[in-house]
C-alpha cells in the first residue's frame, strides 16, 4: 500500500493505482506459474 492514495493530487493517485494493479497482476502471474496445480475458482 502506498501513501499516494491520501494525496490530493489526482495524478499521484492514478500512478499509485497503476503500480498497485501492476503488482497484483505480477503476483497473480507468479502464483499461477509457480503453483499452477492450485486453481482458485471464483
PDB file of N, CA and C in Angstrom:
ATOM      1  N   UNK A   1       0.851  -1.189   0.000  1.00  0.00           N
ATOM      2  CA  UNK A   1       0.000   0.000   0.000  1.00  0.00           C
ATOM      3  C   UNK A   1       0.889   1.242   0.000  1.00  0.00           C
ATOM      4  N   UNK A   2       0.465   2.224  -0.732  1.00  0.00           N
ATOM      5  CA  UNK A   2       1.271   3.433  -0.856  1.00  0.00           C
ATOM      6  C   UNK A   2       0.535   4.641  -0.307  1.00  0.00           C
ATOM      7  N   UNK A   3       1.297   5.577   0.219  1.00  0.00           N
ATOM      8  CA  UNK A   3       0.702   6.769   0.818  1.00  0.00           C
ATOM      9  C   UNK A   3       0.138   7.718  -0.222  1.00  0.00           C
ATOM     10  N   UNK A   4       0.418   7.459  -1.499  1.00  0.00           N
ATOM     11  CA  UNK A   4      -0.072   8.325  -2.557  1.00  0.00           C
ATOM     12  C   UNK A   4      -1.599   8.370  -2.593  1.00  0.00           C
ATOM     13  N   UNK A   5      -2.245   7.341  -2.022  1.00  0.00           N
ATOM     14  CA  UNK A   5      -3.705   7.329  -2.024  1.00  0.00           C
ATOM     15  C   UNK A   5      -4.270   8.499  -1.231  1.00  0.00           C
ATOM     16  N   UNK A   6      -3.513   9.015  -0.265  1.00  0.00           N
ATOM     17  CA  UNK A   6      -4.010  10.068   0.609  1.00  0.00           C
ATOM     18  C   UNK A   6      -3.717  11.450   0.049  1.00  0.00           C
ATOM     19  N   UNK A   7      -2.984  11.518  -1.070  1.00  0.00           N
ATOM     20  CA  UNK A   7      -2.652  12.815  -1.635  1.00  0.00           C
ATOM     21  C   UNK A   7      -3.844  13.395  -2.381  1.00  0.00           C
ATOM     22  N   UNK A   8      -3.920  14.726  -2.396  1.00  0.00           N
ATOM     23  CA  UNK A   8      -5.000  15.391  -3.119  1.00  0.00           C
ATOM     24  C   UNK A   8      -4.735  15.373  -4.625  1.00  0.00           C
ATOM     25  N   UNK A   9      -3.476  15.184  -5.001  1.00  0.00           N
ATOM     26  CA  UNK A   9      -3.100  15.214  -6.412  1.00  0.00           C
ATOM     27  C   UNK A   9      -3.639  13.977  -7.113  1.00  0.00           C
ATOM     28  N   UNK A  10      -4.514  14.160  -8.099  1.00  0.00           N
ATOM     29  CA  UNK A  10      -5.112  13.030  -8.803  1.00  0.00           C
ATOM     30  C   UNK A  10      -4.102  12.257  -9.618  1.00  0.00           C
ATOM     31  N   UNK A  11      -3.037  12.947 -10.093  1.00  0.00           N
ATOM     32  CA  UNK A  11      -2.037  12.246 -10.895  1.00  0.00           C
ATOM     33  C   UNK A  11      -1.309  11.214 -10.046  1.00  0.00           C
ATOM     34  N   UNK A  12      -0.901  11.594  -8.837  1.00  0.00           N
ATOM     35  CA  UNK A  12      -0.218  10.643  -7.966  1.00  0.00           C
ATOM     36  C   UNK A  12      -1.144   9.486  -7.607  1.00  0.00           C
ATOM     37  N   UNK A  13      -2.420   9.785  -7.434  1.00  0.00           N
ATOM     38  CA  UNK A  13      -3.371   8.738  -7.102  1.00  0.00           C
ATOM     39  C   UNK A  13      -3.476   7.738  -8.248  1.00  0.00           C
ATOM     40  N   UNK A  14      -3.525   8.246  -9.479  1.00  0.00           N
ATOM     41  CA  UNK A  14      -3.618   7.375 -10.647  1.00  0.00           C
ATOM     42  C   UNK A  14      -2.359   6.530 -10.774  1.00  0.00           C
ATOM     43  N   UNK A  15      -1.200   7.135 -10.538  1.00  0.00           N
ATOM     44  CA  UNK A  15       0.061   6.390 -10.633  1.00  0.00           C
ATOM     45  C   UNK A  15       0.113   5.309  -9.566  1.00  0.00           C
ATOM     46  N   UNK A  16      -0.331   5.629  -8.350  1.00  0.00           N
ATOM     47  CA  UNK A  16      -0.300   4.632  -7.281  1.00  0.00           C
ATOM     48  C   UNK A  16      -1.242   3.476  -7.601  1.00  0.00           C
ATOM     49  N   UNK A  17      -2.427   3.787  -8.157  1.00  0.00           N
ATOM     50  CA  UNK A  17      -3.352   2.726  -8.546  1.00  0.00           C
ATOM     51  C   UNK A  17      -2.738   1.851  -9.626  1.00  0.00           C
ATOM     52  N   UNK A  18      -2.028   2.483 -10.570  1.00  0.00           N
ATOM     53  CA  UNK A  18      -1.409   1.738 -11.661  1.00  0.00           C
ATOM     54  C   UNK A  18      -0.379   0.765 -11.117  1.00  0.00           C
ATOM     55  N   UNK A  19       0.485   1.251 -10.199  1.00  0.00           N
ATOM     56  CA  UNK A  19       1.512   0.378  -9.646  1.00  0.00           C
ATOM     57  C   UNK A  19       0.902  -0.730  -8.800  1.00  0.00           C
ATOM     58  N   UNK A  20      -0.165  -0.406  -8.085  1.00  0.00           N
ATOM     59  CA  UNK A  20      -0.832  -1.415  -7.266  1.00  0.00           C
ATOM     60  C   UNK A  20      -1.434  -2.499  -8.153  1.00  0.00           C
ATOM     61  N   UNK A  21      -2.066  -2.092  -9.247  1.00  0.00           N
ATOM     62  CA  UNK A  21      -2.654  -3.050 -10.178  1.00  0.00           C
ATOM     63  C   UNK A  21      -1.564  -3.884 -10.856  1.00  0.00           C
ATOM     64  N   UNK A  22      -0.458  -3.230 -11.224  1.00  0.00           N
ATOM     65  CA  UNK A  22       0.646  -3.954 -11.865  1.00  0.00           C
ATOM     66  C   UNK A  22       1.235  -4.971 -10.900  1.00  0.00           C
ATOM     67  N   UNK A  23       1.387  -4.585  -9.628  1.00  0.00           N
ATOM     68  CA  UNK A  23       1.920  -5.512  -8.635  1.00  0.00           C
ATOM     69  C   UNK A  23       0.989  -6.704  -8.469  1.00  0.00           C
ATOM     70  N   UNK A  24      -0.318  -6.445  -8.416  1.00  0.00           N
ATOM     71  CA  UNK A  24      -1.281  -7.529  -8.279  1.00  0.00           C
ATOM     72  C   UNK A  24      -1.254  -8.446  -9.491  1.00  0.00           C
ATOM     73  N   UNK A  25      -1.120  -7.858 -10.679  1.00  0.00           N
ATOM     74  CA  UNK A  25      -1.085  -8.662 -11.905  1.00  0.00           C
ATOM     75  C   UNK A  25       0.154  -9.544 -11.928  1.00  0.00           C
ATOM     76  N   UNK A  26       1.310  -8.981 -11.535  1.00  0.00           N
ATOM     77  CA  UNK A  26       2.549  -9.759 -11.496  1.00  0.00           C
ATOM     78  C   UNK A  26       2.443 -10.855 -10.446  1.00  0.00           C
ATOM     79  N   UNK A  27       1.853 -10.540  -9.302  1.00  0.00           N
ATOM     80  CA  UNK A  27       1.693 -11.536  -8.242  1.00  0.00           C
ATOM     81  C   UNK A  27       0.822 -12.684  -8.708  1.00  0.00           C
ATOM     82  N   UNK A  28      -0.277 -12.363  -9.386  1.00  0.00           N
ATOM     83  CA  UNK A  28      -1.173 -13.410  -9.894  1.00  0.00           C
ATOM     84  C   UNK A  28      -0.455 -14.270 -10.928  1.00  0.00           C
ATOM     85  N   UNK A  29       0.290 -13.631 -11.831  1.00  0.00           N
ATOM     86  CA  UNK A  29       1.030 -14.398 -12.837  1.00  0.00           C
ATOM     87  C   UNK A  29       2.077 -15.278 -12.169  1.00  0.00           C
ATOM     88  N   UNK A  30       2.736 -14.746 -11.129  1.00  0.00           N
ATOM     89  CA  UNK A  30       3.764 -15.514 -10.426  1.00  0.00           C
ATOM     90  C   UNK A  30       3.146 -16.714  -9.726  1.00  0.00           C
ATOM     91  N   UNK A  31       2.024 -16.498  -9.053  1.00  0.00           N
ATOM     92  CA  UNK A  31       1.374 -17.598  -8.347  1.00  0.00           C
ATOM     93  C   UNK A  31       0.858 -18.643  -9.328  1.00  0.00           C
ATOM     94  N   UNK A  32       0.320 -18.199 -10.470  1.00  0.00           N
ATOM     95  CA  UNK A  32      -0.212 -19.143 -11.447  1.00  0.00           C
ATOM     96  C   UNK A  32       0.913 -19.963 -12.062  1.00  0.00           C
ATOM     97  N   UNK A  33       2.091 -19.360 -12.260  1.00  0.00           N
ATOM     98  CA  UNK A  33       3.193 -20.090 -12.870  1.00  0.00           C
ATOM     99  C   UNK A  33       3.880 -20.992 -11.852  1.00  0.00           C
ATOM    100  N   UNK A  34       3.966 -20.531 -10.597  1.00  0.00           N
ATOM    101  CA  UNK A  34       4.670 -21.303  -9.580  1.00  0.00           C
ATOM    102  C   UNK A  34       3.770 -22.404  -9.005  1.00  0.00           C
ATOM    103  N   UNK A  35       2.504 -22.073  -8.777  1.00  0.00           N
ATOM    104  CA  UNK A  35       1.568 -23.039  -8.200  1.00  0.00           C
ATOM    105  C   UNK A  35       0.451 -23.307  -9.194  1.00  0.00           C
ATOM    106  N   UNK A  36       0.841 -23.822 -10.353  1.00  0.00           N
ATOM    107  CA  UNK A  36      -0.146 -23.997 -11.412  1.00  0.00           C
ATOM    108  C   UNK A  36      -1.160 -25.067 -11.040  1.00  0.00           C
ATOM    109  N   UNK A  37      -0.787 -26.003 -10.173  1.00  0.00           N
ATOM    110  CA  UNK A  37      -1.717 -27.069  -9.820  1.00  0.00           C
ATOM    111  C   UNK A  37      -2.799 -26.579  -8.865  1.00  0.00           C
ATOM    112  N   UNK A  38      -2.540 -25.471  -8.186  1.00  0.00           N
ATOM    113  CA  UNK A  38      -3.533 -24.924  -7.268  1.00  0.00           C
ATOM    114  C   UNK A  38      -4.401 -23.924  -8.010  1.00  0.00           C
ATOM    115  N   UNK A  39      -5.628 -24.290  -8.293  1.00  0.00           N
ATOM    116  CA  UNK A  39      -6.529 -23.419  -9.039  1.00  0.00           C
ATOM    117  C   UNK A  39      -7.541 -22.796  -8.090  1.00  0.00           C
ATOM    118  N   UNK A  40      -7.724 -21.490  -8.229  1.00  0.00           N
ATOM    119  CA  UNK A  40      -8.701 -20.778  -7.408  1.00  0.00           C
ATOM    120  C   UNK A  40      -9.924 -20.476  -8.263  1.00  0.00           C
ATOM    121  N   UNK A  41     -11.055 -20.938  -7.868  1.00  0.00           N
ATOM    122  CA  UNK A  41     -12.284 -20.719  -8.616  1.00  0.00           C
ATOM    123  C   UNK A  41     -13.140 -19.686  -7.903  1.00  0.00           C
ATOM    124  N   UNK A  42     -13.473 -18.624  -8.625  1.00  0.00           N
ATOM    125  CA  UNK A  42     -14.309 -17.584  -8.019  1.00  0.00           C
ATOM    126  C   UNK A  42     -13.485 -16.661  -7.170  1.00  0.00           C
TER     127      UNK A  42
END
